[in-house]
Amino acid sequence: MITIPDFEITEIINSDERKTICRAVRSADGQTVVLKVITGEFSDTSDAIKLRREYELVKGLDFPGVAKVLAINEYSGGIAI
């Protein structure tokens, strides 16, 4: 299982060779979140660039039915939104 600082992973929703989607609890406030994580050798590739771009595009959206992007987290070994 992956480890991301400041989050406790509670469930892997989907995973492939490039990314993992998981449910987690944010340590700071106990909020349940869903993380999209690019890890390992792919964290410095176009996948990571796409994830950063996705974050920039959706961080300001506030529409019913659209998941709210809270932050982008870079850590040793990967990047997550």
Protein backbone atom coordinates (compact mmCIF):
# COMPACT_ATOMS: atom_id res chain seq x y z
CA MET A 1 0.00 0.00 0.00
CA ILE A 2 1.20 3.53 -0.69
CA THR A 3 2.11 5.95 2.06
CA ILE A 4 1.41 9.68 1.77
CA PRO A 5 2.48 12.06 4.54
CA ASP A 6 -0.42 13.59 6.50
CA PHE A 7 -2.96 11.04 5.18
CA GLU A 8 -4.09 7.63 6.37
CA ILE A 9 -5.07 5.49 3.38
CA THR A 10 -8.24 3.54 4.19
CA GLU A 11 -9.13 1.99 0.83
CA ILE A 12 -7.67 1.55 -2.65
CA ILE A 13 -10.48 2.34 -5.10
CA ASN A 14 -8.54 1.72 -8.32
CA SER A 15 -4.91 1.20 -9.20
CA ASP A 16 -2.83 0.68 -12.32
CA GLU A 17 0.85 0.95 -13.19
CA ARG A 18 0.79 4.77 -13.31
CA LYS A 19 -1.72 5.97 -10.74
CA THR A 20 -3.74 4.99 -7.71
CA ILE A 21 -7.12 6.34 -6.62
CA CYS A 22 -7.71 5.88 -2.91
CA ARG A 23 -9.89 6.96 -0.04
CA ALA A 24 -7.99 8.49 2.88
CA VAL A 25 -8.39 10.49 6.06
CA ARG A 26 -6.49 13.78 6.31
CA SER A 27 -4.58 13.82 9.61
CA ALA A 28 -4.91 17.58 10.14
CA ASP A 29 -8.70 17.61 10.49
CA GLY A 30 -10.01 14.05 10.07
CA GLN A 31 -11.69 14.89 6.77
CA THR A 32 -12.30 11.94 4.45
CA VAL A 33 -10.86 12.60 0.99
CA VAL A 34 -10.26 10.83 -2.29
CA LEU A 35 -6.70 11.03 -3.60
CA LYS A 36 -5.43 10.60 -7.13
CA VAL A 37 -1.76 9.66 -6.80
CA ILE A 38 1.03 9.43 -9.39
CA THR A 39 3.88 7.46 -7.86
CA GLY A 40 7.36 6.14 -8.44
CA GLU A 41 8.97 6.41 -11.85
CA PHE A 42 5.92 8.18 -13.26
CA SER A 43 6.01 11.08 -10.78
CA ASP A 44 8.37 13.08 -13.00
CA THR A 45 6.70 12.26 -16.33
CA SER A 46 3.90 13.63 -18.44
CA ASP A 47 1.46 11.92 -16.04
CA ALA A 48 2.59 14.22 -13.23
CA ILE A 49 2.43 17.22 -15.56
CA LYS A 50 -1.14 16.26 -16.50
CA LEU A 51 -2.08 15.92 -12.83
CA ARG A 52 -0.68 19.38 -12.05
CA ARG A 53 -2.61 20.79 -15.03
CA GLU A 54 -5.79 19.01 -13.87
CA TYR A 55 -5.37 20.62 -10.45
CA GLU A 56 -4.91 24.09 -11.95
CA LEU A 57 -8.00 23.68 -14.14
CA VAL A 58 -10.41 22.44 -11.49
CA LYS A 59 -9.22 24.04 -8.24
CA GLY A 60 -11.58 26.99 -8.63
CA LEU A 61 -14.66 25.04 -9.69
CA ASP A 62 -17.60 25.00 -7.31
CA PHE A 63 -20.51 23.19 -8.91
CA PRO A 64 -22.98 20.70 -7.46
CA GLY A 65 -21.96 17.14 -8.37
CA VAL A 66 -18.33 18.05 -9.12
CA ALA A 67 -15.72 16.89 -6.62
CA LYS A 68 -13.89 19.79 -4.94
CA VAL A 69 -10.12 19.70 -5.37
CA LEU A 70 -8.61 20.75 -2.05
CA ALA A 71 -4.87 20.77 -2.72
CA ILE A 72 -1.96 19.32 -4.62
CA ASN A 73 0.55 17.47 -2.47
CA GLU A 74 4.08 16.71 -3.60
CA TYR A 75 6.08 14.32 -1.49
CA SER A 76 9.17 12.20 -1.97
CA GLY A 77 8.12 9.50 -4.38
CA GLY A 78 5.03 11.08 -5.87
CA ILE A 79 2.38 13.72 -6.34
CA ALA A 80 -1.31 13.66 -5.37
CA ILE A 81 -4.47 15.76 -5.66
